[in-house]
Amino acid sequence: MRAHLTMQARDSIEFNGTDDIKVKAFASDRDSNLTSDEAVADMLAASIHHRMTSSDGKNQTPFLDGLIRRVQDTTRC
């Protein structure tokens, strides 16, 4: 999982071509791939903060869309 996030970060405009961008936090909608014991252990070992939307609640997609929009706006500045 961490390797996948690192590869995705290489497509970022902040990637300088030499040093990998370290993922420090991400948000998800409680996907089973991200809540498995192996994924949680990997996140704890890498000190990655995982914010999950509430379970059995209303659609939390607007929260994630807003979060992505804020990150993109910040990186553009």
Protein backbone atom coordinates (compact mmCIF):
# COMPACT_ATOMS: atom_id res chain seq x y z
CA MET A 1 0.00 0.00 0.00
CA ARG A 2 2.74 2.46 0.94
CA ALA A 3 4.57 1.69 -2.31
CA HIS A 4 1.40 2.42 -4.28
CA LEU A 5 0.93 5.76 -2.51
CA THR A 6 4.57 6.66 -3.16
CA MET A 7 4.20 5.83 -6.86
CA GLN A 8 1.06 7.96 -7.06
CA ALA A 9 2.88 10.83 -5.34
CA ARG A 10 5.51 10.75 -8.11
CA ASP A 11 2.84 12.15 -10.44
CA SER A 12 2.49 15.16 -8.14
CA ILE A 13 3.77 18.57 -9.18
CA GLU A 14 5.76 18.62 -5.92
CA PHE A 15 7.91 15.66 -6.99
CA ASN A 16 11.39 16.98 -7.75
CA GLY A 17 12.60 13.86 -9.57
CA THR A 18 14.98 12.57 -6.91
CA ASP A 19 13.41 12.38 -3.46
CA ASP A 20 10.19 10.45 -2.92
CA ILE A 21 7.31 12.33 -1.32
CA LYS A 22 6.49 10.81 2.05
CA VAL A 23 2.77 10.23 2.63
CA LYS A 24 1.87 11.46 6.11
CA ALA A 25 -1.93 11.24 6.07
CA PHE A 26 -4.83 10.29 3.87
CA ALA A 27 -8.61 9.97 4.09
CA SER A 28 -10.76 7.10 2.90
CA ASP A 29 -14.30 5.80 3.09
CA ARG A 30 -13.43 2.71 5.17
CA ASP A 31 -12.40 0.59 2.20
CA SER A 32 -11.68 -2.97 3.36
CA ASN A 33 -8.25 -2.86 1.67
CA LEU A 34 -7.28 0.06 3.93
CA THR A 35 -8.73 -1.31 7.16
CA SER A 36 -7.21 -4.79 7.04
CA ASP A 37 -4.78 -5.81 9.77
CA GLU A 38 -1.89 -5.75 7.29
CA ALA A 39 -2.73 -2.24 6.04
CA VAL A 40 -3.17 -0.88 9.56
CA ALA A 41 0.16 -2.38 10.66
CA ASP A 42 1.86 -0.85 7.61
CA MET A 43 0.35 2.58 8.36
CA LEU A 44 1.41 2.42 12.00
CA ALA A 45 4.94 1.41 11.06
CA ALA A 46 5.17 4.32 8.61
CA SER A 47 3.46 6.81 10.98
CA ILE A 48 0.71 7.52 8.44
CA HIS A 49 -2.47 9.05 9.86
CA HIS A 50 -5.60 7.46 8.36
CA ARG A 51 -8.78 9.48 8.69
CA MET A 52 -11.87 7.45 7.94
CA THR A 53 -15.33 8.77 7.28
CA SER A 54 -18.06 7.66 9.69
CA SER A 55 -19.59 4.25 9.13
CA ASP A 56 -23.31 3.75 8.54
CA GLY A 57 -23.70 7.46 8.05
CA LYS A 58 -24.78 9.62 5.19
CA ASN A 59 -22.66 9.88 2.09
CA GLN A 60 -19.32 11.41 3.07
CA THR A 61 -18.11 12.00 -0.47
CA PRO A 62 -18.52 15.80 -0.15
CA PHE A 63 -16.03 15.72 2.74
CA LEU A 64 -13.47 13.84 0.67
CA ASP A 65 -14.11 16.04 -2.38
CA GLY A 66 -13.60 19.16 -0.25
CA LEU A 67 -10.41 17.72 1.23
CA ILE A 68 -9.02 16.93 -2.22
CA ARG A 69 -9.98 20.41 -3.46
CA ARG A 70 -8.20 22.08 -0.52
CA VAL A 71 -5.04 20.03 -1.09
CA GLN A 72 -5.04 20.85 -4.79
CA ASP A 73 -5.60 24.56 -4.12
CA THR A 74 -2.76 24.59 -1.60
CA THR A 75 -0.36 22.83 -3.96
CA ARG A 76 -1.22 25.24 -6.78
CA CYS A 77 -0.30 28.22 -4.61
